[in-house]
PDB file of all heavy atoms in Angstrom:
ATOM      1  N   VAL A   1     -10.332  29.201 -23.082  1.00  0.00           N
ATOM      2  CA  VAL A   1      -9.173  28.460 -23.586  1.00  0.00           C
ATOM      3  C   VAL A   1      -9.084  28.712 -25.089  1.00  0.00           C
ATOM      4  O   VAL A   1      -9.901  28.215 -25.865  1.00  0.00           O
ATOM      5  CB  VAL A   1      -9.288  26.953 -23.293  1.00  0.00           C
ATOM      6  CG1 VAL A   1      -8.130  26.192 -23.936  1.00  0.00           C
ATOM      7  CG2 VAL A   1      -9.308  26.706 -21.789  1.00  0.00           C
ATOM      8  N   HIS A   2      -8.118  29.535 -25.477  1.00  0.00           N
ATOM      9  CA  HIS A   2      -7.841  29.791 -26.895  1.00  0.00           C
ATOM     10  C   HIS A   2      -6.536  29.129 -27.329  1.00  0.00           C
ATOM     11  O   HIS A   2      -6.201  29.149 -28.514  1.00  0.00           O
ATOM     12  CB  HIS A   2      -7.706  31.297 -27.157  1.00  0.00           C
ATOM     13  CG  HIS A   2      -8.984  32.060 -27.098  1.00  0.00           C
ATOM     14  ND1 HIS A   2      -9.384  32.771 -25.991  1.00  0.00           N
ATOM     15  CD2 HIS A   2      -9.963  32.247 -28.020  1.00  0.00           C
ATOM     16  CE1 HIS A   2     -10.542  33.367 -26.226  1.00  0.00           C
ATOM     17  NE2 HIS A   2     -10.917  33.061 -27.446  1.00  0.00           N
ATOM     18  N   TRP A   3      -5.812  28.586 -26.359  1.00  0.00           N
ATOM     19  CA  TRP A   3      -4.476  28.056 -26.617  1.00  0.00           C
ATOM     20  C   TRP A   3      -4.359  26.684 -25.961  1.00  0.00           C
ATOM     21  O   TRP A   3      -4.634  26.542 -24.772  1.00  0.00           O
ATOM     22  CB  TRP A   3      -3.401  28.977 -26.032  1.00  0.00           C
ATOM     23  CG  TRP A   3      -3.581  30.412 -26.383  1.00  0.00           C
ATOM     24  CD1 TRP A   3      -4.459  31.301 -25.807  1.00  0.00           C
ATOM     25  CD2 TRP A   3      -2.890  31.138 -27.399  1.00  0.00           C
ATOM     26  NE1 TRP A   3      -4.337  32.526 -26.392  1.00  0.00           N
ATOM     27  CE2 TRP A   3      -3.386  32.471 -27.376  1.00  0.00           C
ATOM     28  CE3 TRP A   3      -1.895  30.791 -28.309  1.00  0.00           C
ATOM     29  CZ2 TRP A   3      -2.913  33.450 -28.247  1.00  0.00           C
ATOM     30  CZ3 TRP A   3      -1.419  31.782 -29.167  1.00  0.00           C
ATOM     31  CH2 TRP A   3      -1.926  33.083 -29.138  1.00  0.00           C
ATOM     32  N   VAL A   4      -3.955  25.684 -26.705  1.00  0.00           N
ATOM     33  CA  VAL A   4      -3.722  24.352 -26.150  1.00  0.00           C
ATOM     34  C   VAL A   4      -2.216  24.144 -26.063  1.00  0.00           C
ATOM     35  O   VAL A   4      -1.528  24.087 -27.089  1.00  0.00           O
ATOM     36  CB  VAL A   4      -4.363  23.252 -27.018  1.00  0.00           C
ATOM     37  CG1 VAL A   4      -3.942  21.871 -26.542  1.00  0.00           C
ATOM     38  CG2 VAL A   4      -5.891  23.377 -26.975  1.00  0.00           C
ATOM     39  N   ASP A   5      -1.732  24.090 -24.836  1.00  0.00           N
ATOM     40  CA  ASP A   5      -0.283  23.986 -24.616  1.00  0.00           C
ATOM     41  C   ASP A   5       0.463  25.038 -25.427  1.00  0.00           C
ATOM     42  O   ASP A   5       1.451  24.747 -26.117  1.00  0.00           O
ATOM     43  CB  ASP A   5       0.210  22.574 -24.935  1.00  0.00           C
ATOM     44  CG  ASP A   5      -0.369  21.534 -23.995  1.00  0.00           C
ATOM     45  OD1 ASP A   5      -0.616  21.873 -22.826  1.00  0.00           O
ATOM     46  OD2 ASP A   5      -0.601  20.389 -24.435  1.00  0.00           O
ATOM     47  N   ASN A   6      -0.047  26.269 -25.340  1.00  0.00           N
ATOM     48  CA  ASN A   6       0.566  27.466 -25.931  1.00  0.00           C
ATOM     49  C   ASN A   6       0.422  27.557 -27.452  1.00  0.00           C
ATOM     50  O   ASN A   6       0.980  28.463 -28.073  1.00  0.00           O
ATOM     51  CB  ASN A   6       2.048  27.569 -25.551  1.00  0.00           C
ATOM     52  CG  ASN A   6       2.253  27.486 -24.056  1.00  0.00           C
ATOM     53  OD1 ASN A   6       1.642  28.238 -23.300  1.00  0.00           O
ATOM     54  ND2 ASN A   6       3.083  26.557 -23.610  1.00  0.00           N
ATOM     55  N   TRP A   7      -0.359  26.670 -28.053  1.00  0.00           N
ATOM     56  CA  TRP A   7      -0.598  26.676 -29.499  1.00  0.00           C
ATOM     57  C   TRP A   7      -2.008  27.165 -29.788  1.00  0.00           C
ATOM     58  O   TRP A   7      -2.970  26.719 -29.163  1.00  0.00           O
ATOM     59  CB  TRP A   7      -0.417  25.261 -30.067  1.00  0.00           C
ATOM     60  CG  TRP A   7      -0.883  25.107 -31.488  1.00  0.00           C
ATOM     61  CD1 TRP A   7      -0.297  25.616 -32.609  1.00  0.00           C
ATOM     62  CD2 TRP A   7      -2.042  24.380 -31.940  1.00  0.00           C
ATOM     63  NE1 TRP A   7      -1.027  25.260 -33.732  1.00  0.00           N
ATOM     64  CE2 TRP A   7      -2.098  24.496 -33.340  1.00  0.00           C
ATOM     65  CE3 TRP A   7      -3.038  23.649 -31.283  1.00  0.00           C
ATOM     66  CZ2 TRP A   7      -3.107  23.909 -34.107  1.00  0.00           C
ATOM     67  CZ3 TRP A   7      -4.046  23.061 -32.042  1.00  0.00           C
ATOM     68  CH2 TRP A   7      -4.069  23.196 -33.440  1.00  0.00           C
ATOM     69  N   THR A   8      -2.138  28.124 -30.713  1.00  0.00           N
ATOM     70  CA  THR A   8      -3.456  28.648 -31.051  1.00  0.00           C
ATOM     71  C   THR A   8      -4.164  27.706 -32.021  1.00  0.00           C
ATOM     72  O   THR A   8      -3.648  27.409 -33.099  1.00  0.00           O
ATOM     73  CB  THR A   8      -3.369  30.055 -31.661  1.00  0.00           C
ATOM     74  OG1 THR A   8      -4.687  30.503 -31.996  1.00  0.00           O
ATOM     75  CG2 THR A   8      -2.497  30.109 -32.900  1.00  0.00           C
ATOM     76  N   PHE A   9      -5.335  27.247 -31.633  1.00  0.00           N
ATOM     77  CA  PHE A   9      -6.064  26.278 -32.463  1.00  0.00           C
ATOM     78  C   PHE A   9      -7.198  26.898 -33.258  1.00  0.00           C
ATOM     79  O   PHE A   9      -7.709  26.302 -34.198  1.00  0.00           O
ATOM     80  CB  PHE A   9      -6.640  25.157 -31.587  1.00  0.00           C
ATOM     81  CG  PHE A   9      -7.662  25.622 -30.583  1.00  0.00           C
ATOM     82  CD1 PHE A   9      -8.990  25.794 -30.930  1.00  0.00           C
ATOM     83  CD2 PHE A   9      -7.277  25.925 -29.277  1.00  0.00           C
ATOM     84  CE1 PHE A   9      -9.924  26.242 -30.001  1.00  0.00           C
ATOM     85  CE2 PHE A   9      -8.209  26.374 -28.347  1.00  0.00           C
ATOM     86  CZ  PHE A   9      -9.532  26.538 -28.705  1.00  0.00           C
ATOM     87  N   ASN A  10      -7.615  28.115 -32.895  1.00  0.00           N
ATOM     88  CA  ASN A  10      -8.844  28.644 -33.492  1.00  0.00           C
ATOM     89  C   ASN A  10      -8.638  29.731 -34.536  1.00  0.00           C
ATOM     90  O   ASN A  10      -9.585  30.154 -35.180  1.00  0.00           O
ATOM     91  CB  ASN A  10      -9.780  29.175 -32.392  1.00  0.00           C
ATOM     92  CG  ASN A  10      -9.245  30.430 -31.729  1.00  0.00           C
ATOM     93  OD1 ASN A  10      -8.133  30.442 -31.220  1.00  0.00           O
ATOM     94  ND2 ASN A  10     -10.037  31.497 -31.726  1.00  0.00           N
ATOM     95  N   GLN A  11      -7.418  30.180 -34.742  1.00  0.00           N
ATOM     96  CA  GLN A  11      -7.231  31.301 -35.659  1.00  0.00           C
ATOM     97  C   GLN A  11      -7.238  30.874 -37.131  1.00  0.00           C
ATOM     98  O   GLN A  11      -7.835  31.529 -37.968  1.00  0.00           O
ATOM     99  CB  GLN A  11      -5.946  32.053 -35.320  1.00  0.00           C
ATOM    100  CG  GLN A  11      -6.042  32.757 -33.970  1.00  0.00           C
ATOM    101  CD  GLN A  11      -4.910  33.751 -33.756  1.00  0.00           C
ATOM    102  OE1 GLN A  11      -4.331  34.264 -34.708  1.00  0.00           O
ATOM    103  NE2 GLN A  11      -4.590  34.022 -32.504  1.00  0.00           N
ATOM    104  N   ARG A  12      -6.579  29.766 -37.465  1.00  0.00           N
ATOM    105  CA  ARG A  12      -6.506  29.316 -38.847  1.00  0.00           C
ATOM    106  C   ARG A  12      -6.639  27.786 -38.897  1.00  0.00           C
ATOM    107  O   ARG A  12      -5.916  27.070 -38.210  1.00  0.00           O
ATOM    108  CB  ARG A  12      -5.168  29.716 -39.497  1.00  0.00           C
ATOM    109  CG  ARG A  12      -4.895  31.211 -39.551  1.00  0.00           C
ATOM    110  CD  ARG A  12      -5.791  31.911 -40.568  1.00  0.00           C
ATOM    111  NE  ARG A  12      -5.440  33.323 -40.710  1.00  0.00           N
ATOM    112  CZ  ARG A  12      -5.925  34.305 -39.975  1.00  0.00           C
ATOM    113  NH1 ARG A  12      -6.799  34.030 -38.997  1.00  0.00           N
ATOM    114  NH2 ARG A  12      -5.573  35.560 -40.184  1.00  0.00           N
ATOM    115  N   LYS A  13      -7.529  27.297 -39.763  1.00  0.00           N
ATOM    116  CA  LYS A  13      -7.750  25.856 -39.847  1.00  0.00           C
ATOM    117  C   LYS A  13      -6.504  25.120 -40.319  1.00  0.00           C
ATOM    118  O   LYS A  13      -6.208  24.012 -39.860  1.00  0.00           O
ATOM    119  CB  LYS A  13      -8.928  25.560 -40.778  1.00  0.00           C
ATOM    120  CG  LYS A  13      -9.327  24.086 -40.808  1.00  0.00           C
ATOM    121  CD  LYS A  13     -10.592  23.858 -41.625  1.00  0.00           C
ATOM    122  CE  LYS A  13     -11.000  22.382 -41.595  1.00  0.00           C
ATOM    123  NZ  LYS A  13     -12.272  22.160 -42.340  1.00  0.00           N
ATOM    124  N   TYR A  14      -5.743  25.734 -41.234  1.00  0.00           N
ATOM    125  CA  TYR A  14      -4.569  25.042 -41.783  1.00  0.00           C
ATOM    126  C   TYR A  14      -3.534  24.727 -40.705  1.00  0.00           C
ATOM    127  O   TYR A  14      -2.683  23.837 -40.875  1.00  0.00           O
ATOM    128  CB  TYR A  14      -3.929  25.865 -42.903  1.00  0.00           C
ATOM    129  CG  TYR A  14      -3.159  27.084 -42.456  1.00  0.00           C
ATOM    130  CD1 TYR A  14      -1.838  26.972 -41.978  1.00  0.00           C
ATOM    131  CD2 TYR A  14      -3.717  28.351 -42.517  1.00  0.00           C
ATOM    132  CE1 TYR A  14      -1.128  28.088 -41.565  1.00  0.00           C
ATOM    133  CE2 TYR A  14      -3.010  29.473 -42.103  1.00  0.00           C
ATOM    134  CZ  TYR A  14      -1.723  29.337 -41.630  1.00  0.00           C
ATOM    135  OH  TYR A  14      -1.021  30.440 -41.220  1.00  0.00           O
ATOM    136  N   GLN A  15      -3.617  25.431 -39.577  1.00  0.00           N
ATOM    137  CA  GLN A  15      -2.651  25.181 -38.509  1.00  0.00           C
ATOM    138  C   GLN A  15      -2.827  23.803 -37.875  1.00  0.00           C
ATOM    139  O   GLN A  15      -1.961  23.339 -37.145  1.00  0.00           O
ATOM    140  CB  GLN A  15      -2.761  26.282 -37.450  1.00  0.00           C
ATOM    141  CG  GLN A  15      -2.328  27.653 -37.963  1.00  0.00           C
ATOM    142  CD  GLN A  15      -2.669  28.784 -37.009  1.00  0.00           C
ATOM    143  OE1 GLN A  15      -3.748  28.815 -36.432  1.00  0.00           O
ATOM    144  NE2 GLN A  15      -1.755  29.724 -36.852  1.00  0.00           N
ATOM    145  N   TRP A  16      -3.960  23.166 -38.155  1.00  0.00           N
ATOM    146  CA  TRP A  16      -4.214  21.818 -37.638  1.00  0.00           C
ATOM    147  C   TRP A  16      -3.529  20.730 -38.468  1.00  0.00           C
ATOM    148  O   TRP A  16      -3.497  19.574 -38.059  1.00  0.00           O
ATOM    149  CB  TRP A  16      -5.714  21.539 -37.609  1.00  0.00           C
ATOM    150  CG  TRP A  16      -6.459  22.219 -36.507  1.00  0.00           C
ATOM    151  CD1 TRP A  16      -6.743  23.539 -36.397  1.00  0.00           C
ATOM    152  CD2 TRP A  16      -7.046  21.595 -35.353  1.00  0.00           C
ATOM    153  NE1 TRP A  16      -7.472  23.793 -35.257  1.00  0.00           N
ATOM    154  CE2 TRP A  16      -7.678  22.615 -34.596  1.00  0.00           C
ATOM    155  CE3 TRP A  16      -7.123  20.278 -34.899  1.00  0.00           C
ATOM    156  CZ2 TRP A  16      -8.345  22.367 -33.409  1.00  0.00           C
ATOM    157  CZ3 TRP A  16      -7.800  20.025 -33.719  1.00  0.00           C
ATOM    158  CH2 TRP A  16      -8.403  21.051 -32.979  1.00  0.00           C
ATOM    159  N   LEU A  17      -3.008  21.078 -39.629  1.00  0.00           N
ATOM    160  CA  LEU A  17      -2.377  20.078 -40.490  1.00  0.00           C
ATOM    161  C   LEU A  17      -1.238  19.381 -39.743  1.00  0.00           C
ATOM    162  O   LEU A  17      -0.358  20.027 -39.182  1.00  0.00           O
ATOM    163  CB  LEU A  17      -1.823  20.742 -41.762  1.00  0.00           C
ATOM    164  CG  LEU A  17      -2.867  21.232 -42.776  1.00  0.00           C
ATOM    165  CD1 LEU A  17      -2.202  22.054 -43.875  1.00  0.00           C
ATOM    166  CD2 LEU A  17      -3.622  20.053 -43.372  1.00  0.00           C
ATOM    167  N   GLY A  18      -1.301  18.053 -39.722  1.00  0.00           N
ATOM    168  CA  GLY A  18      -0.276  17.278 -39.047  1.00  0.00           C
ATOM    169  C   GLY A  18      -0.466  17.144 -37.551  1.00  0.00           C
ATOM    170  O   GLY A  18       0.341  16.495 -36.880  1.00  0.00           O
ATOM    171  N   LYS A  19      -1.531  17.742 -37.014  1.00  0.00           N
ATOM    172  CA  LYS A  19      -1.786  17.671 -35.578  1.00  0.00           C
ATOM    173  C   LYS A  19      -2.616  16.436 -35.225  1.00  0.00           C
ATOM    174  O   LYS A  19      -3.416  15.955 -36.030  1.00  0.00           O
ATOM    175  CB  LYS A  19      -2.528  18.930 -35.104  1.00  0.00           C
ATOM    176  CG  LYS A  19      -1.758  20.226 -35.279  1.00  0.00           C
ATOM    177  CD  LYS A  19      -0.621  20.350 -34.285  1.00  0.00           C
ATOM    178  CE  LYS A  19       0.039  21.712 -34.366  1.00  0.00           C
ATOM    179  NZ  LYS A  19       1.136  21.861 -33.378  1.00  0.00           N
ATOM    180  N   ASP A  20      -2.425  15.943 -34.020  1.00  0.00           N
ATOM    181  CA  ASP A  20      -3.194  14.814 -33.496  1.00  0.00           C
ATOM    182  C   ASP A  20      -4.483  15.365 -32.881  1.00  0.00           C
ATOM    183  O   ASP A  20      -4.469  15.903 -31.768  1.00  0.00           O
ATOM    184  CB  ASP A  20      -2.351  14.074 -32.445  1.00  0.00           C
ATOM    185  CG  ASP A  20      -3.039  12.830 -31.888  1.00  0.00           C
ATOM    186  OD1 ASP A  20      -4.285  12.747 -31.976  1.00  0.00           O
ATOM    187  OD2 ASP A  20      -2.333  11.955 -31.349  1.00  0.00           O
ATOM    188  N   VAL A  21      -5.585  15.239 -33.615  1.00  0.00           N
ATOM    189  CA  VAL A  21      -6.855  15.827 -33.186  1.00  0.00           C
ATOM    190  C   VAL A  21      -7.306  15.259 -31.844  1.00  0.00           C
ATOM    191  O   VAL A  21      -7.771  15.985 -30.964  1.00  0.00           O
ATOM    192  CB  VAL A  21      -7.941  15.623 -34.262  1.00  0.00           C
ATOM    193  CG1 VAL A  21      -9.304  16.121 -33.765  1.00  0.00           C
ATOM    194  CG2 VAL A  21      -7.549  16.349 -35.546  1.00  0.00           C
ATOM    195  N   ASN A  22      -7.164  13.956 -31.674  1.00  0.00           N
ATOM    196  CA  ASN A  22      -7.574  13.329 -30.406  1.00  0.00           C
ATOM    197  C   ASN A  22      -6.807  13.917 -29.229  1.00  0.00           C
ATOM    198  O   ASN A  22      -7.390  14.215 -28.175  1.00  0.00           O
ATOM    199  CB  ASN A  22      -7.357  11.820 -30.463  1.00  0.00           C
ATOM    200  CG  ASN A  22      -8.421  11.107 -31.274  1.00  0.00           C
ATOM    201  OD1 ASN A  22      -9.338  11.735 -31.804  1.00  0.00           O
ATOM    202  ND2 ASN A  22      -8.305   9.798 -31.402  1.00  0.00           N
ATOM    203  N   HIS A  23      -5.513  14.075 -29.400  1.00  0.00           N
ATOM    204  CA  HIS A  23      -4.676  14.615 -28.318  1.00  0.00           C
ATOM    205  C   HIS A  23      -5.056  16.061 -28.019  1.00  0.00           C
ATOM    206  O   HIS A  23      -5.134  16.459 -26.837  1.00  0.00           O
ATOM    207  CB  HIS A  23      -3.200  14.544 -28.702  1.00  0.00           C
ATOM    208  CG  HIS A  23      -2.292  15.192 -27.694  1.00  0.00           C
ATOM    209  ND1 HIS A  23      -2.041  14.647 -26.451  1.00  0.00           N
ATOM    210  CD2 HIS A  23      -1.609  16.379 -27.733  1.00  0.00           C
ATOM    211  CE1 HIS A  23      -1.233  15.449 -25.775  1.00  0.00           C
ATOM    212  NE2 HIS A  23      -0.957  16.492 -26.531  1.00  0.00           N
ATOM    213  N   ILE A  24      -5.305  16.856 -29.051  1.00  0.00           N
ATOM    214  CA  ILE A  24      -5.657  18.263 -28.850  1.00  0.00           C
ATOM    215  C   ILE A  24      -6.969  18.378 -28.081  1.00  0.00           C
ATOM    216  O   ILE A  24      -7.087  19.188 -27.149  1.00  0.00           O
ATOM    217  CB  ILE A  24      -5.746  18.990 -30.204  1.00  0.00           C
ATOM    218  CG1 ILE A  24      -4.350  19.088 -30.832  1.00  0.00           C
ATOM    219  CG2 ILE A  24      -6.349  20.388 -30.030  1.00  0.00           C
ATOM    220  CD1 ILE A  24      -4.351  19.515 -32.281  1.00  0.00           C
ATOM    221  N   TYR A  25      -7.949  17.566 -28.452  1.00  0.00           N
ATOM    222  CA  TYR A  25      -9.225  17.586 -27.728  1.00  0.00           C
ATOM    223  C   TYR A  25      -9.037  17.175 -26.273  1.00  0.00           C
ATOM    224  O   TYR A  25      -9.620  17.775 -25.360  1.00  0.00           O
ATOM    225  CB  TYR A  25     -10.237  16.659 -28.406  1.00  0.00           C
ATOM    226  CG  TYR A  25     -11.178  17.374 -29.350  1.00  0.00           C
ATOM    227  CD1 TYR A  25     -10.760  17.719 -30.638  1.00  0.00           C
ATOM    228  CD2 TYR A  25     -12.462  17.721 -28.971  1.00  0.00           C
ATOM    229  CE1 TYR A  25     -11.610  18.380 -31.517  1.00  0.00           C
ATOM    230  CE2 TYR A  25     -13.319  18.382 -29.828  1.00  0.00           C
ATOM    231  CZ  TYR A  25     -12.891  18.712 -31.096  1.00  0.00           C
ATOM    232  OH  TYR A  25     -13.739  19.369 -31.947  1.00  0.00           O
ATOM    233  N   LYS A  26      -8.245  16.167 -26.040  1.00  0.00           N
ATOM    234  CA  LYS A  26      -8.001  15.701 -24.673  1.00  0.00           C
ATOM    235  C   LYS A  26      -7.387  16.813 -23.829  1.00  0.00           C
ATOM    236  O   LYS A  26      -7.837  17.099 -22.715  1.00  0.00           O
ATOM    237  CB  LYS A  26      -7.087  14.475 -24.688  1.00  0.00           C
ATOM    238  CG  LYS A  26      -6.789  13.877 -23.320  1.00  0.00           C
ATOM    239  CD  LYS A  26      -5.994  12.584 -23.480  1.00  0.00           C
ATOM    240  CE  LYS A  26      -5.694  11.943 -22.132  1.00  0.00           C
ATOM    241  NZ  LYS A  26      -4.727  12.731 -21.329  1.00  0.00           N
TER     242      LYS A  26
END
């Protein structure tokens, strides 16, 4: 799993800005 609901989470840390971490982990 490199993509969460079609969004890449592992390529760049800044892409997490504004994201709901709890929801992404779930």
